[in-house]
Amino acid sequence: MADNKQLLIVAHAPSPNTLALRDAVARGARHPDIEAVAVRVLAPLEAGPEDVLACDALILGTTENLGYMSGALKDFFDRSYYPCLERTQGLPFAFYIRAGHDGTGTHRAIESITTGLRWRQVAEPVLCRGEYQSSFESQCEELGLTMAASLDAGLF
């Protein structure tokens, strides 16, 4: 197990629906065909720079709050930005947004911060927009599976 790649999922899940999305990402990432990837799931207020420094890829999840990412994810970025800035350049990442409206401001904010960190976005964001739909869970599961399978295959 020491040679396993580490996939970190940092997701704000304040409701049953957002918890279902986070769990779907983790379920996809833990698919039984993926052999050499260890998956850690943390809430943003529990995660910090040491977790980012220890991972090989990252999936971020957030709600859209007043046209912006959740305060918890913003806090994670605030605490992690400078400790990670010079040490995680090129980190492969992806993200999903649970947006009641359009998710544009949240998307833009995450891209701005991760561009500053020089992380590498390796998958299109999953935007779960509007009224909750069960299809959001399959999209999030696919995101987790794609990231873990790519990591397992050595694509990043």
N, C-alpha and C. Protein backbone atom coordinates (compact mmCIF):
# COMPACT_ATOMS: atom_id res chain seq x y z
N MET A 1 0.80 -1.20 0.00
CA MET A 1 0.00 0.00 0.00
C MET A 1 0.84 1.27 0.00
N ALA A 2 2.12 1.18 0.34
CA ALA A 2 2.97 2.37 0.44
C ALA A 2 3.13 3.06 -0.90
N ASP A 3 2.98 2.30 -2.01
CA ASP A 3 3.15 2.88 -3.33
C ASP A 3 1.86 3.49 -3.88
N ASN A 4 0.78 3.42 -3.12
CA ASN A 4 -0.49 3.97 -3.59
C ASN A 4 -0.40 5.46 -3.80
N LYS A 5 -1.08 5.92 -4.84
CA LYS A 5 -1.25 7.35 -5.05
C LYS A 5 -2.35 7.80 -4.11
N GLN A 6 -2.31 9.07 -3.75
CA GLN A 6 -3.28 9.64 -2.81
C GLN A 6 -4.20 10.62 -3.53
N LEU A 7 -5.50 10.33 -3.49
CA LEU A 7 -6.51 11.24 -4.02
C LEU A 7 -7.24 11.85 -2.83
N LEU A 8 -7.20 13.15 -2.75
CA LEU A 8 -7.85 13.89 -1.67
C LEU A 8 -9.14 14.52 -2.20
N ILE A 9 -10.22 14.30 -1.47
CA ILE A 9 -11.50 14.94 -1.78
C ILE A 9 -11.80 15.90 -0.64
N VAL A 10 -11.88 17.18 -0.95
CA VAL A 10 -12.22 18.21 0.03
C VAL A 10 -13.55 18.80 -0.42
N ALA A 11 -14.60 18.48 0.33
CA ALA A 11 -15.94 18.86 -0.12
C ALA A 11 -16.79 19.36 1.03
N HIS A 12 -17.43 20.48 0.79
CA HIS A 12 -18.38 21.05 1.74
C HIS A 12 -19.73 20.38 1.49
N ALA A 13 -20.26 19.72 2.52
CA ALA A 13 -21.51 18.95 2.36
C ALA A 13 -22.45 19.24 3.53
N PRO A 14 -23.09 20.41 3.53
CA PRO A 14 -23.92 20.81 4.66
C PRO A 14 -25.35 20.26 4.67
N SER A 15 -25.74 19.53 3.63
CA SER A 15 -27.12 19.05 3.54
C SER A 15 -27.12 17.59 3.07
N PRO A 16 -28.24 16.91 3.21
CA PRO A 16 -28.31 15.53 2.71
C PRO A 16 -27.98 15.43 1.21
N ASN A 17 -28.44 16.38 0.41
CA ASN A 17 -28.15 16.32 -1.02
C ASN A 17 -26.67 16.52 -1.32
N THR A 18 -26.03 17.48 -0.65
CA THR A 18 -24.61 17.70 -0.92
C THR A 18 -23.77 16.56 -0.34
N LEU A 19 -24.23 15.96 0.74
CA LEU A 19 -23.56 14.79 1.28
C LEU A 19 -23.65 13.63 0.28
N ALA A 20 -24.80 13.49 -0.38
CA ALA A 20 -24.96 12.45 -1.40
C ALA A 20 -24.00 12.68 -2.56
N LEU A 21 -23.77 13.93 -2.93
CA LEU A 21 -22.83 14.24 -4.01
C LEU A 21 -21.40 13.90 -3.59
N ARG A 22 -21.03 14.31 -2.39
CA ARG A 22 -19.68 13.99 -1.89
C ARG A 22 -19.47 12.48 -1.83
N ASP A 23 -20.47 11.76 -1.32
CA ASP A 23 -20.37 10.31 -1.23
C ASP A 23 -20.29 9.66 -2.61
N ALA A 24 -20.98 10.24 -3.59
CA ALA A 24 -20.92 9.72 -4.95
C ALA A 24 -19.52 9.89 -5.54
N VAL A 25 -18.89 11.04 -5.30
CA VAL A 25 -17.51 11.25 -5.75
C VAL A 25 -16.60 10.19 -5.13
N ALA A 26 -16.73 10.00 -3.83
CA ALA A 26 -15.90 9.02 -3.13
C ALA A 26 -16.17 7.60 -3.63
N ARG A 27 -17.42 7.27 -3.86
CA ARG A 27 -17.78 5.93 -4.36
C ARG A 27 -17.13 5.67 -5.72
N GLY A 28 -17.18 6.66 -6.59
CA GLY A 28 -16.52 6.52 -7.89
C GLY A 28 -15.02 6.36 -7.75
N ALA A 29 -14.43 7.15 -6.87
CA ALA A 29 -12.98 7.09 -6.67
C ALA A 29 -12.53 5.77 -6.06
N ARG A 30 -13.43 5.13 -5.33
CA ARG A 30 -13.09 3.86 -4.67
C ARG A 30 -13.58 2.64 -5.47
N HIS A 31 -13.82 2.82 -6.73
CA HIS A 31 -14.28 1.72 -7.58
C HIS A 31 -13.35 0.52 -7.40
N PRO A 32 -13.90 -0.69 -7.33
CA PRO A 32 -13.07 -1.87 -7.06
C PRO A 32 -12.00 -2.16 -8.11
N ASP A 33 -12.15 -1.65 -9.32
CA ASP A 33 -11.13 -1.88 -10.35
C ASP A 33 -9.91 -0.99 -10.18
N ILE A 34 -10.01 0.00 -9.33
CA ILE A 34 -8.88 0.91 -9.09
C ILE A 34 -8.07 0.34 -7.94
N GLU A 35 -6.82 -0.01 -8.24
CA GLU A 35 -6.04 -0.78 -7.29
C GLU A 35 -5.02 0.02 -6.48
N ALA A 36 -4.48 1.06 -7.05
CA ALA A 36 -3.33 1.71 -6.40
C ALA A 36 -3.61 3.16 -6.02
N VAL A 37 -4.85 3.45 -5.64
CA VAL A 37 -5.20 4.81 -5.22
C VAL A 37 -5.90 4.75 -3.87
N ALA A 38 -5.34 5.46 -2.91
CA ALA A 38 -5.98 5.62 -1.61
C ALA A 38 -6.77 6.92 -1.64
N VAL A 39 -7.99 6.88 -1.14
CA VAL A 39 -8.88 8.04 -1.19
C VAL A 39 -9.12 8.55 0.23
N ARG A 40 -8.91 9.84 0.41
CA ARG A 40 -9.23 10.51 1.68
C ARG A 40 -10.31 11.53 1.40
N VAL A 41 -11.30 11.58 2.28
CA VAL A 41 -12.40 12.54 2.16
C VAL A 41 -12.41 13.39 3.41
N LEU A 42 -12.30 14.69 3.22
CA LEU A 42 -12.29 15.62 4.34
C LEU A 42 -13.22 16.79 4.07
N ALA A 43 -13.81 17.29 5.13
CA ALA A 43 -14.55 18.55 5.05
C ALA A 43 -13.51 19.68 4.97
N PRO A 44 -13.85 20.78 4.33
CA PRO A 44 -12.88 21.87 4.18
C PRO A 44 -12.32 22.39 5.50
N LEU A 45 -13.13 22.41 6.56
CA LEU A 45 -12.63 22.91 7.84
C LEU A 45 -11.73 21.91 8.54
N GLU A 46 -11.71 20.66 8.07
CA GLU A 46 -10.82 19.63 8.62
C GLU A 46 -9.54 19.49 7.80
N ALA A 47 -9.54 19.96 6.57
CA ALA A 47 -8.40 19.82 5.67
C ALA A 47 -7.49 21.03 5.77
N GLY A 48 -6.23 20.80 5.50
CA GLY A 48 -5.27 21.89 5.54
C GLY A 48 -4.13 21.64 4.58
N PRO A 49 -3.14 22.50 4.63
CA PRO A 49 -2.03 22.39 3.68
C PRO A 49 -1.29 21.06 3.75
N GLU A 50 -1.18 20.47 4.94
CA GLU A 50 -0.48 19.19 5.06
C GLU A 50 -1.20 18.10 4.26
N ASP A 51 -2.52 18.18 4.18
CA ASP A 51 -3.28 17.21 3.40
C ASP A 51 -3.04 17.40 1.91
N VAL A 52 -2.98 18.64 1.47
CA VAL A 52 -2.72 18.93 0.06
C VAL A 52 -1.30 18.50 -0.30
N LEU A 53 -0.36 18.78 0.57
CA LEU A 53 1.03 18.41 0.29
C LEU A 53 1.21 16.90 0.21
N ALA A 54 0.36 16.15 0.88
CA ALA A 54 0.46 14.68 0.90
C ALA A 54 -0.28 14.01 -0.25
N CYS A 55 -1.05 14.74 -1.03
CA CYS A 55 -1.86 14.09 -2.07
C CYS A 55 -1.20 14.22 -3.44
N ASP A 56 -1.65 13.34 -4.35
CA ASP A 56 -1.18 13.35 -5.73
C ASP A 56 -2.19 13.99 -6.67
N ALA A 57 -3.43 14.10 -6.22
CA ALA A 57 -4.50 14.75 -6.99
C ALA A 57 -5.60 15.13 -6.00
N LEU A 58 -6.45 16.06 -6.43
CA LEU A 58 -7.43 16.66 -5.52
C LEU A 58 -8.75 16.89 -6.25
N ILE A 59 -9.85 16.58 -5.56
CA ILE A 59 -11.18 16.95 -6.04
C ILE A 59 -11.79 17.88 -5.00
N LEU A 60 -12.26 19.02 -5.44
CA LEU A 60 -12.91 20.00 -4.59
C LEU A 60 -14.41 19.97 -4.84
N GLY A 61 -15.18 20.12 -3.77
CA GLY A 61 -16.63 20.20 -3.91
C GLY A 61 -17.17 21.32 -3.05
N THR A 62 -18.11 22.08 -3.61
CA THR A 62 -18.65 23.19 -2.85
C THR A 62 -20.09 23.49 -3.27
N THR A 63 -20.77 24.14 -2.37
CA THR A 63 -22.05 24.73 -2.70
C THR A 63 -21.81 26.12 -3.26
N GLU A 64 -22.81 26.64 -3.94
CA GLU A 64 -22.80 28.03 -4.37
C GLU A 64 -23.53 28.81 -3.28
N ASN A 65 -22.83 29.74 -2.66
CA ASN A 65 -23.41 30.56 -1.59
C ASN A 65 -23.31 32.02 -1.98
N LEU A 66 -24.45 32.62 -2.24
CA LEU A 66 -24.49 34.04 -2.63
C LEU A 66 -23.59 34.31 -3.83
N GLY A 67 -23.58 33.38 -4.79
CA GLY A 67 -22.79 33.55 -6.00
C GLY A 67 -21.31 33.28 -5.82
N TYR A 68 -20.93 32.61 -4.75
CA TYR A 68 -19.52 32.36 -4.45
C TYR A 68 -19.40 30.96 -3.86
N MET A 69 -18.18 30.48 -3.71
CA MET A 69 -17.96 29.18 -3.06
C MET A 69 -18.36 29.26 -1.59
N SER A 70 -18.51 28.13 -0.96
CA SER A 70 -18.85 28.11 0.46
C SER A 70 -17.74 28.78 1.27
N GLY A 71 -18.13 29.35 2.39
CA GLY A 71 -17.15 29.96 3.28
C GLY A 71 -16.15 28.93 3.79
N ALA A 72 -16.60 27.69 3.97
CA ALA A 72 -15.70 26.64 4.44
C ALA A 72 -14.61 26.34 3.41
N LEU A 73 -14.97 26.27 2.13
CA LEU A 73 -13.95 26.03 1.11
C LEU A 73 -13.03 27.23 0.98
N LYS A 74 -13.57 28.42 1.09
CA LYS A 74 -12.73 29.63 1.04
C LYS A 74 -11.75 29.63 2.21
N ASP A 75 -12.21 29.21 3.39
CA ASP A 75 -11.33 29.10 4.55
C ASP A 75 -10.20 28.10 4.29
N PHE A 76 -10.53 26.97 3.69
CA PHE A 76 -9.52 25.97 3.31
C PHE A 76 -8.46 26.61 2.42
N PHE A 77 -8.90 27.34 1.40
CA PHE A 77 -7.95 28.01 0.51
C PHE A 77 -7.13 29.05 1.28
N ASP A 78 -7.77 29.82 2.14
CA ASP A 78 -7.05 30.84 2.91
C ASP A 78 -5.93 30.23 3.75
N ARG A 79 -6.19 29.08 4.37
CA ARG A 79 -5.19 28.43 5.22
C ARG A 79 -4.14 27.67 4.42
N SER A 80 -4.47 27.28 3.21
CA SER A 80 -3.57 26.41 2.44
C SER A 80 -2.77 27.15 1.37
N TYR A 81 -3.22 28.30 0.97
CA TYR A 81 -2.65 28.97 -0.20
C TYR A 81 -1.13 29.15 -0.09
N TYR A 82 -0.67 29.90 0.88
CA TYR A 82 0.76 30.19 0.94
C TYR A 82 1.62 28.99 1.31
N PRO A 83 1.19 28.11 2.22
CA PRO A 83 2.01 26.92 2.49
C PRO A 83 2.13 25.99 1.27
N CYS A 84 1.16 26.04 0.36
CA CYS A 84 1.17 25.15 -0.81
C CYS A 84 1.70 25.83 -2.07
N LEU A 85 1.76 27.13 -2.08
CA LEU A 85 2.03 27.89 -3.30
C LEU A 85 3.24 27.40 -4.08
N GLU A 86 4.35 27.27 -3.46
CA GLU A 86 5.58 26.88 -4.16
C GLU A 86 5.78 25.37 -4.22
N ARG A 87 4.96 24.62 -3.50
CA ARG A 87 5.22 23.18 -3.36
C ARG A 87 4.21 22.29 -4.09
N THR A 88 3.14 22.87 -4.62
CA THR A 88 2.12 22.03 -5.26
C THR A 88 1.82 22.46 -6.70
N GLN A 89 2.73 23.18 -7.30
CA GLN A 89 2.51 23.62 -8.67
C GLN A 89 2.32 22.40 -9.57
N GLY A 90 1.32 22.46 -10.42
CA GLY A 90 1.02 21.36 -11.32
C GLY A 90 0.13 20.28 -10.72
N LEU A 91 -0.33 20.48 -9.48
CA LEU A 91 -1.19 19.49 -8.83
C LEU A 91 -2.45 19.27 -9.66
N PRO A 92 -2.73 18.04 -10.08
CA PRO A 92 -3.94 17.78 -10.84
C PRO A 92 -5.17 17.90 -9.94
N PHE A 93 -6.19 18.60 -10.42
CA PHE A 93 -7.39 18.77 -9.62
C PHE A 93 -8.61 18.86 -10.52
N ALA A 94 -9.74 18.65 -9.90
CA ALA A 94 -11.04 18.82 -10.54
C ALA A 94 -11.99 19.33 -9.46
N PHE A 95 -13.17 19.77 -9.88
CA PHE A 95 -14.13 20.24 -8.88
C PHE A 95 -15.56 20.10 -9.36
N TYR A 96 -16.45 20.12 -8.38
CA TYR A 96 -17.87 20.14 -8.68
C TYR A 96 -18.54 21.20 -7.82
N ILE A 97 -19.63 21.73 -8.33
CA ILE A 97 -20.36 22.81 -7.67
C ILE A 97 -21.84 22.42 -7.60
N ARG A 98 -22.40 22.51 -6.43
CA ARG A 98 -23.86 22.38 -6.28
C ARG A 98 -24.43 23.79 -6.26
N ALA A 99 -24.98 24.19 -7.41
CA ALA A 99 -25.42 25.57 -7.60
C ALA A 99 -26.93 25.65 -7.72
N GLY A 100 -27.53 26.41 -6.85
CA GLY A 100 -28.96 26.65 -6.96
C GLY A 100 -29.27 27.59 -8.12
N HIS A 101 -28.32 28.43 -8.48
CA HIS A 101 -28.52 29.36 -9.58
C HIS A 101 -27.64 28.95 -10.75
N ASP A 102 -26.66 29.78 -11.12
CA ASP A 102 -25.88 29.44 -12.30
C ASP A 102 -24.46 28.94 -12.01
N GLY A 103 -23.93 29.20 -10.82
CA GLY A 103 -22.60 28.70 -10.46
C GLY A 103 -21.44 29.47 -11.06
N THR A 104 -21.73 30.50 -11.83
CA THR A 104 -20.68 31.23 -12.54
C THR A 104 -19.66 31.87 -11.60
N GLY A 105 -20.13 32.57 -10.57
CA GLY A 105 -19.22 33.23 -9.64
C GLY A 105 -18.37 32.22 -8.88
N THR A 106 -18.95 31.11 -8.50
CA THR A 106 -18.22 30.06 -7.79
C THR A 106 -17.16 29.47 -8.69
N HIS A 107 -17.53 29.17 -9.91
CA HIS A 107 -16.60 28.62 -10.90
C HIS A 107 -15.42 29.56 -11.11
N ARG A 108 -15.73 30.83 -11.30
CA ARG A 108 -14.71 31.84 -11.54
C ARG A 108 -13.77 31.97 -10.34
N ALA A 109 -14.32 31.93 -9.13
CA ALA A 109 -13.50 32.07 -7.92
C ALA A 109 -12.55 30.89 -7.75
N ILE A 110 -13.04 29.68 -7.97
CA ILE A 110 -12.17 28.51 -7.84
C ILE A 110 -11.07 28.55 -8.90
N GLU A 111 -11.43 28.90 -10.12
CA GLU A 111 -10.42 28.99 -11.17
C GLU A 111 -9.38 30.06 -10.87
N SER A 112 -9.80 31.18 -10.30
CA SER A 112 -8.87 32.25 -9.96
C SER A 112 -7.85 31.80 -8.91
N ILE A 113 -8.34 31.17 -7.86
CA ILE A 113 -7.45 30.73 -6.79
C ILE A 113 -6.53 29.62 -7.27
N THR A 114 -7.07 28.64 -7.98
CA THR A 114 -6.23 27.52 -8.42
C THR A 114 -5.25 27.94 -9.51
N THR A 115 -5.60 28.95 -10.29
CA THR A 115 -4.64 29.50 -11.25
C THR A 115 -3.48 30.14 -10.51
N GLY A 116 -3.78 30.87 -9.44
CA GLY A 116 -2.73 31.46 -8.62
C GLY A 116 -1.82 30.41 -8.01
N LEU A 117 -2.40 29.28 -7.63
CA LEU A 117 -1.62 28.18 -7.07
C LEU A 117 -0.87 27.41 -8.14
N ARG A 118 -1.22 27.65 -9.39
CA ARG A 118 -0.65 26.96 -10.55
C ARG A 118 -0.98 25.47 -10.55
N TRP A 119 -2.18 25.15 -10.05
CA TRP A 119 -2.66 23.77 -10.12
C TRP A 119 -3.15 23.52 -11.54
N ARG A 120 -3.24 22.26 -11.90
CA ARG A 120 -3.62 21.86 -13.26
C ARG A 120 -5.00 21.22 -13.25
N GLN A 121 -5.97 21.89 -13.82
CA GLN A 121 -7.33 21.35 -13.91
C GLN A 121 -7.33 20.26 -14.98
N VAL A 122 -7.69 19.03 -14.58
CA VAL A 122 -7.58 17.89 -15.48
C VAL A 122 -8.93 17.32 -15.92
N ALA A 123 -10.01 17.91 -15.46
CA ALA A 123 -11.35 17.48 -15.86
C ALA A 123 -12.27 18.69 -15.87
N GLU A 124 -13.25 18.63 -16.74
CA GLU A 124 -14.25 19.69 -16.76
C GLU A 124 -15.00 19.71 -15.44
N PRO A 125 -15.30 20.90 -14.92
CA PRO A 125 -16.07 20.96 -13.68
C PRO A 125 -17.46 20.35 -13.86
N VAL A 126 -17.94 19.72 -12.81
CA VAL A 126 -19.31 19.22 -12.80
C VAL A 126 -20.15 20.29 -12.14
N LEU A 127 -21.10 20.81 -12.87
CA LEU A 127 -21.97 21.87 -12.37
C LEU A 127 -23.36 21.30 -12.17
N CYS A 128 -23.72 21.12 -10.93
CA CYS A 128 -25.04 20.58 -10.56
C CYS A 128 -25.95 21.77 -10.29
N ARG A 129 -26.63 22.21 -11.32
CA ARG A 129 -27.35 23.48 -11.31
C ARG A 129 -28.86 23.28 -11.23
N GLY A 130 -29.52 24.18 -10.48
CA GLY A 130 -30.98 24.19 -10.42
C GLY A 130 -31.53 23.24 -9.37
N GLU A 131 -32.77 22.83 -9.57
CA GLU A 131 -33.40 21.89 -8.64
C GLU A 131 -32.58 20.61 -8.59
N TYR A 132 -32.52 20.01 -7.40
CA TYR A 132 -31.72 18.79 -7.24
C TYR A 132 -32.27 17.68 -8.12
N GLN A 133 -31.34 16.97 -8.78
CA GLN A 133 -31.69 15.83 -9.63
C GLN A 133 -30.80 14.66 -9.26
N SER A 134 -31.34 13.47 -9.28
CA SER A 134 -30.53 12.29 -8.95
C SER A 134 -29.39 12.11 -9.95
N SER A 135 -29.52 12.63 -11.15
CA SER A 135 -28.44 12.53 -12.14
C SER A 135 -27.18 13.26 -11.69
N PHE A 136 -27.31 14.21 -10.78
CA PHE A 136 -26.12 14.89 -10.24
C PHE A 136 -25.19 13.87 -9.59
N GLU A 137 -25.77 12.89 -8.92
CA GLU A 137 -24.96 11.89 -8.22
C GLU A 137 -24.16 11.05 -9.21
N SER A 138 -24.76 10.66 -10.32
CA SER A 138 -24.01 9.86 -11.30
C SER A 138 -22.90 10.70 -11.94
N GLN A 139 -23.14 11.98 -12.14
CA GLN A 139 -22.10 12.85 -12.70
C GLN A 139 -20.93 12.98 -11.71
N CYS A 140 -21.24 13.10 -10.44
CA CYS A 140 -20.19 13.21 -9.43
C CYS A 140 -19.45 11.89 -9.27
N GLU A 141 -20.17 10.79 -9.33
CA GLU A 141 -19.52 9.48 -9.24
C GLU A 141 -18.55 9.30 -10.41
N GLU A 142 -18.97 9.72 -11.60
CA GLU A 142 -18.11 9.63 -12.77
C GLU A 142 -16.86 10.49 -12.60
N LEU A 143 -17.02 11.66 -12.01
CA LEU A 143 -15.86 12.52 -11.76
C LEU A 143 -14.86 11.81 -10.84
N GLY A 144 -15.35 11.23 -9.75
CA GLY A 144 -14.46 10.51 -8.84
C GLY A 144 -13.78 9.35 -9.51
N LEU A 145 -14.53 8.58 -10.30
CA LEU A 145 -13.97 7.44 -11.01
C LEU A 145 -12.92 7.88 -12.01
N THR A 146 -13.22 8.91 -12.78
CA THR A 146 -12.28 9.40 -13.80
C THR A 146 -10.97 9.87 -13.16
N MET A 147 -11.09 10.62 -12.08
CA MET A 147 -9.87 11.11 -11.42
C MET A 147 -9.04 9.96 -10.85
N ALA A 148 -9.68 9.04 -10.17
CA ALA A 148 -8.94 7.93 -9.56
C ALA A 148 -8.37 7.00 -10.62
N ALA A 149 -9.13 6.71 -11.66
CA ALA A 149 -8.63 5.83 -12.72
C ALA A 149 -7.45 6.47 -13.45
N SER A 150 -7.52 7.77 -13.67
CA SER A 150 -6.41 8.47 -14.32
C SER A 150 -5.17 8.46 -13.45
N LEU A 151 -5.36 8.64 -12.17
CA LEU A 151 -4.24 8.59 -11.23
C LEU A 151 -3.66 7.18 -11.19
N ASP A 152 -4.54 6.18 -11.14
CA ASP A 152 -4.13 4.78 -11.12
C ASP A 152 -3.34 4.40 -12.36
N ALA A 153 -3.74 4.96 -13.50
CA ALA A 153 -3.10 4.65 -14.78
C ALA A 153 -1.81 5.44 -15.00
N GLY A 154 -1.50 6.34 -14.07
CA GLY A 154 -0.28 7.13 -14.20
C GLY A 154 -0.38 8.28 -15.18
N LEU A 155 -1.62 8.70 -15.49
CA LEU A 155 -1.79 9.81 -16.42
C LEU A 155 -1.39 11.14 -15.78
N PHE A 156 -1.40 11.16 -14.46
CA PHE A 156 -0.89 12.32 -13.71
C PHE A 156 -0.53 11.88 -12.32
